[in-house]
C-alpha cells in the first residue's frame, strides 16, 4: 500500500526535496510535531535527501535533510508562518485562524509554488534561508497528495 503525503516539492530534476504535512490544528507544540513526523516517516516515506515541513496556522516546523534518518529529532527550525503567508490572506480576506483544513492546504501549496519560482518576491523567514531548502527547490514543482 502506498502512503500519501499532503504535498511533495520536487527539484527541477524531479527529485523529492520536501515532504509537507499540513494541519489546520492550532497551537501545536514541538513535541507534538516530532510525534506526527515520526508517525509519517515510519510508514516508509522517502527519508534520504528530503526536508520535512509540518505546517500549521500558528507554527511551521522544518527538519533539514540531514535530520531525515532520526525520527525523534526536534525540528531544526521553527517559525511563525504569518509573515510569509500574510500577502496571500489579503486575497481571501481571512485570517490564518479562520481557515479550514482545505483552505490552509491551498494557501501553503500556493506559497510553496511561489517559492520554487526565482524572483517571485515571496517573503521567506530566516529558517528557510539558512536551511538551504530554497536552492534545492528552485525551478521545481509542487505536487498535491503525492503517493510514495
C-alpha atoms as a PDB file:
ATOM      1  CA  UNK A   1       0.000   0.000   0.000  1.00  0.00           C
ATOM      2  CA  UNK A   2       1.314   3.404  -0.925  1.00  0.00           C
ATOM      3  CA  UNK A   3       1.500   6.247   1.541  1.00  0.00           C
ATOM      4  CA  UNK A   4       0.132   9.669   0.699  1.00  0.00           C
ATOM      5  CA  UNK A   5       1.524  12.999   1.877  1.00  0.00           C
ATOM      6  CA  UNK A   6      -0.228  16.336   1.602  1.00  0.00           C
ATOM      7  CA  UNK A   7       2.451  17.907  -0.609  1.00  0.00           C
ATOM      8  CA  UNK A   8       5.760  16.973  -2.148  1.00  0.00           C
ATOM      9  CA  UNK A   9       8.050  19.625  -3.575  1.00  0.00           C
ATOM     10  CA  UNK A  10      10.318  18.418  -6.332  1.00  0.00           C
ATOM     11  CA  UNK A  11      13.524  19.928  -7.651  1.00  0.00           C
ATOM     12  CA  UNK A  12      13.996  20.986 -11.265  1.00  0.00           C
ATOM     13  CA  UNK A  13      15.276  17.450 -11.976  1.00  0.00           C
ATOM     14  CA  UNK A  14      12.129  15.919 -10.362  1.00  0.00           C
ATOM     15  CA  UNK A  15      13.769  14.661  -7.170  1.00  0.00           C
ATOM     16  CA  UNK A  16      11.690  14.860  -3.983  1.00  0.00           C
ATOM     17  CA  UNK A  17      13.251  17.596  -1.872  1.00  0.00           C
ATOM     18  CA  UNK A  18      10.485  18.457   0.585  1.00  0.00           C
ATOM     19  CA  UNK A  19       7.700  16.423   2.121  1.00  0.00           C
ATOM     20  CA  UNK A  20       4.921  18.529   3.632  1.00  0.00           C
ATOM     21  CA  UNK A  21       2.237  17.589   6.078  1.00  0.00           C
ATOM     22  CA  UNK A  22      -0.402  20.227   6.736  1.00  0.00           C
ATOM     23  CA  UNK A  23      -2.726  20.531   9.687  1.00  0.00           C
ATOM     24  CA  UNK A  24      -5.244  23.236  10.445  1.00  0.00           C
ATOM     25  CA  UNK A  25      -4.886  22.293  14.107  1.00  0.00           C
ATOM     26  CA  UNK A  26      -3.824  25.312  16.107  1.00  0.00           C
ATOM     27  CA  UNK A  27      -1.437  25.637  18.988  1.00  0.00           C
ATOM     28  CA  UNK A  28       0.572  22.513  18.285  1.00  0.00           C
ATOM     29  CA  UNK A  29       3.823  22.041  20.146  1.00  0.00           C
ATOM     30  CA  UNK A  30       7.269  20.985  19.034  1.00  0.00           C
ATOM     31  CA  UNK A  31       6.790  17.667  20.862  1.00  0.00           C
ATOM     32  CA  UNK A  32       3.528  17.018  19.026  1.00  0.00           C
ATOM     33  CA  UNK A  33       5.244  17.896  15.731  1.00  0.00           C
ATOM     34  CA  UNK A  34       8.021  15.378  16.428  1.00  0.00           C
ATOM     35  CA  UNK A  35       5.460  12.636  17.120  1.00  0.00           C
ATOM     36  CA  UNK A  36       3.496  13.385  13.973  1.00  0.00           C
ATOM     37  CA  UNK A  37       6.671  13.403  11.854  1.00  0.00           C
ATOM     38  CA  UNK A  38       7.822  10.130  13.406  1.00  0.00           C
ATOM     39  CA  UNK A  39       4.489   8.505  12.544  1.00  0.00           C
ATOM     40  CA  UNK A  40       4.569   9.795   8.979  1.00  0.00           C
ATOM     41  CA  UNK A  41       8.184   8.785   8.380  1.00  0.00           C
ATOM     42  CA  UNK A  42       7.712   5.346   9.942  1.00  0.00           C
ATOM     43  CA  UNK A  43       5.312   4.449   7.146  1.00  0.00           C
ATOM     44  CA  UNK A  44       8.065   4.192   4.554  1.00  0.00           C
ATOM     45  CA  UNK A  45       8.231   7.674   3.135  1.00  0.00           C
ATOM     46  CA  UNK A  46      11.464   8.774   1.484  1.00  0.00           C
ATOM     47  CA  UNK A  47      13.974   9.904   4.045  1.00  0.00           C
ATOM     48  CA  UNK A  48      17.121  10.454   2.038  1.00  0.00           C
ATOM     49  CA  UNK A  49      17.664  13.946   0.691  1.00  0.00           C
ATOM     50  CA  UNK A  50      14.219  15.131   1.778  1.00  0.00           C
ATOM     51  CA  UNK A  51      13.400  18.005   4.041  1.00  0.00           C
ATOM     52  CA  UNK A  52      10.219  17.693   6.080  1.00  0.00           C
ATOM     53  CA  UNK A  53       7.818  20.547   6.846  1.00  0.00           C
ATOM     54  CA  UNK A  54       4.906  20.359   9.221  1.00  0.00           C
ATOM     55  CA  UNK A  55       2.720  23.370   8.543  1.00  0.00           C
ATOM     56  CA  UNK A  56       0.109  24.620  10.979  1.00  0.00           C
ATOM     57  CA  UNK A  57      -1.507  28.064  11.201  1.00  0.00           C
ATOM     58  CA  UNK A  58       0.493  29.010  14.295  1.00  0.00           C
ATOM     59  CA  UNK A  59       3.908  27.377  13.614  1.00  0.00           C
ATOM     60  CA  UNK A  60       5.922  25.851  10.825  1.00  0.00           C
ATOM     61  CA  UNK A  61       8.352  23.100  11.821  1.00  0.00           C
ATOM     62  CA  UNK A  62      11.156  22.272   9.391  1.00  0.00           C
ATOM     63  CA  UNK A  63      13.648  19.426   9.516  1.00  0.00           C
ATOM     64  CA  UNK A  64      16.782  19.574   7.374  1.00  0.00           C
ATOM     65  CA  UNK A  65      17.531  16.756   5.006  1.00  0.00           C
ATOM     66  CA  UNK A  66      20.409  15.813   7.330  1.00  0.00           C
ATOM     67  CA  UNK A  67      17.816  15.004  10.005  1.00  0.00           C
ATOM     68  CA  UNK A  68      15.947  12.557   7.803  1.00  0.00           C
ATOM     69  CA  UNK A  69      17.175   9.387   9.444  1.00  0.00           C
ATOM     70  CA  UNK A  70      16.389  10.443  13.012  1.00  0.00           C
ATOM     71  CA  UNK A  71      12.663  10.042  13.544  1.00  0.00           C
ATOM     72  CA  UNK A  72      12.718  11.543  17.049  1.00  0.00           C
ATOM     73  CA  UNK A  73      14.868  14.621  16.435  1.00  0.00           C
ATOM     74  CA  UNK A  74      13.408  18.019  17.266  1.00  0.00           C
ATOM     75  CA  UNK A  75      12.784  20.343  14.313  1.00  0.00           C
ATOM     76  CA  UNK A  76      15.836  22.168  13.001  1.00  0.00           C
ATOM     77  CA  UNK A  77      13.759  25.331  12.541  1.00  0.00           C
ATOM     78  CA  UNK A  78      10.518  26.673  13.977  1.00  0.00           C
ATOM     79  CA  UNK A  79       8.948  29.843  12.697  1.00  0.00           C
ATOM     80  CA  UNK A  80       5.777  31.872  12.622  1.00  0.00           C
ATOM     81  CA  UNK A  81       4.102  31.424   9.227  1.00  0.00           C
ATOM     82  CA  UNK A  82       2.058  34.614   9.346  1.00  0.00           C
ATOM     83  CA  UNK A  83       4.690  36.993   7.896  1.00  0.00           C
ATOM     84  CA  UNK A  84       5.219  34.621   4.963  1.00  0.00           C
ATOM     85  CA  UNK A  85       1.536  33.886   4.336  1.00  0.00           C
ATOM     86  CA  UNK A  86       0.101  37.324   5.094  1.00  0.00           C
ATOM     87  CA  UNK A  87       0.330  38.575   1.486  1.00  0.00           C
ATOM     88  CA  UNK A  88      -1.915  35.691   0.390  1.00  0.00           C
ATOM     89  CA  UNK A  89      -4.505  36.328   3.090  1.00  0.00           C
ATOM     90  CA  UNK A  90      -5.492  39.680   1.605  1.00  0.00           C
ATOM     91  CA  UNK A  91      -6.851  37.848  -1.456  1.00  0.00           C
ATOM     92  CA  UNK A  92      -9.100  35.597   0.569  1.00  0.00           C
ATOM     93  CA  UNK A  93      -9.981  38.202   3.195  1.00  0.00           C
ATOM     94  CA  UNK A  94      -9.459  35.858   6.098  1.00  0.00           C
ATOM     95  CA  UNK A  95      -7.018  35.283   8.916  1.00  0.00           C
ATOM     96  CA  UNK A  96      -4.952  32.134   9.397  1.00  0.00           C
ATOM     97  CA  UNK A  97      -7.017  31.198  12.446  1.00  0.00           C
ATOM     98  CA  UNK A  98     -10.226  31.216  10.387  1.00  0.00           C
ATOM     99  CA  UNK A  99      -9.078  28.914   7.589  1.00  0.00           C
ATOM    100  CA  UNK A 100     -10.432  25.409   7.107  1.00  0.00           C
ATOM    101  CA  UNK A 101      -8.079  22.489   6.511  1.00  0.00           C
ATOM    102  CA  UNK A 102      -8.656  22.642   2.743  1.00  0.00           C
ATOM    103  CA  UNK A 103      -8.172  26.408   2.559  1.00  0.00           C
ATOM    104  CA  UNK A 104      -4.974  26.214   4.586  1.00  0.00           C
ATOM    105  CA  UNK A 105      -3.655  23.425   2.325  1.00  0.00           C
ATOM    106  CA  UNK A 106      -4.312  25.553  -0.769  1.00  0.00           C
ATOM    107  CA  UNK A 107      -2.624  28.546   0.838  1.00  0.00           C
ATOM    108  CA  UNK A 108       0.508  26.579   1.777  1.00  0.00           C
ATOM    109  CA  UNK A 109       0.631  24.942  -1.657  1.00  0.00           C
ATOM    110  CA  UNK A 110       0.418  28.324  -3.387  1.00  0.00           C
ATOM    111  CA  UNK A 111       3.138  29.784  -1.165  1.00  0.00           C
ATOM    112  CA  UNK A 112       5.438  26.824  -1.843  1.00  0.00           C
ATOM    113  CA  UNK A 113       4.769  27.060  -5.585  1.00  0.00           C
ATOM    114  CA  UNK A 114       5.845  30.674  -5.461  1.00  0.00           C
ATOM    115  CA  UNK A 115       8.998  29.692  -3.541  1.00  0.00           C
ATOM    116  CA  UNK A 116      10.052  27.450  -6.431  1.00  0.00           C
ATOM    117  CA  UNK A 117       9.974  30.441  -8.780  1.00  0.00           C
ATOM    118  CA  UNK A 118      13.143  32.554  -8.609  1.00  0.00           C
ATOM    119  CA  UNK A 119      12.447  36.260  -8.366  1.00  0.00           C
ATOM    120  CA  UNK A 120       8.820  35.798  -7.322  1.00  0.00           C
ATOM    121  CA  UNK A 121       9.322  38.206  -4.429  1.00  0.00           C
ATOM    122  CA  UNK A 122       7.871  35.703  -1.981  1.00  0.00           C
ATOM    123  CA  UNK A 123       8.790  36.532   1.604  1.00  0.00           C
ATOM    124  CA  UNK A 124      10.711  33.808   3.410  1.00  0.00           C
ATOM    125  CA  UNK A 125      11.737  33.598   7.021  1.00  0.00           C
ATOM    126  CA  UNK A 126      15.297  33.191   8.229  1.00  0.00           C
ATOM    127  CA  UNK A 127      14.898  29.454   8.852  1.00  0.00           C
ATOM    128  CA  UNK A 128      14.164  28.804   5.207  1.00  0.00           C
ATOM    129  CA  UNK A 129      17.122  30.856   4.069  1.00  0.00           C
ATOM    130  CA  UNK A 130      19.510  29.126   6.479  1.00  0.00           C
ATOM    131  CA  UNK A 131      18.282  25.620   5.675  1.00  0.00           C
ATOM    132  CA  UNK A 132      19.325  25.601   2.028  1.00  0.00           C
ATOM    133  CA  UNK A 133      15.847  24.434   1.006  1.00  0.00           C
ATOM    134  CA  UNK A 134      15.253  27.303  -1.414  1.00  0.00           C
ATOM    135  CA  UNK A 135      18.256  26.326  -3.520  1.00  0.00           C
ATOM    136  CA  UNK A 136      17.050  22.714  -3.595  1.00  0.00           C
ATOM    137  CA  UNK A 137      13.543  23.563  -4.898  1.00  0.00           C
ATOM    138  CA  UNK A 138      14.485  26.363  -7.288  1.00  0.00           C
ATOM    139  CA  UNK A 139      12.577  25.912 -10.567  1.00  0.00           C
ATOM    140  CA  UNK A 140      10.849  22.887  -9.080  1.00  0.00           C
ATOM    141  CA  UNK A 141       7.209  21.951  -8.706  1.00  0.00           C
ATOM    142  CA  UNK A 142       4.637  21.200  -6.008  1.00  0.00           C
ATOM    143  CA  UNK A 143       2.571  18.035  -6.136  1.00  0.00           C
ATOM    144  CA  UNK A 144      -0.609  17.665  -4.109  1.00  0.00           C
ATOM    145  CA  UNK A 145      -1.475  14.394  -2.329  1.00  0.00           C
ATOM    146  CA  UNK A 146       1.571  12.564  -3.591  1.00  0.00           C
ATOM    147  CA  UNK A 147       1.943   8.796  -3.163  1.00  0.00           C
ATOM    148  CA  UNK A 148       5.186   7.096  -2.184  1.00  0.00           C
END
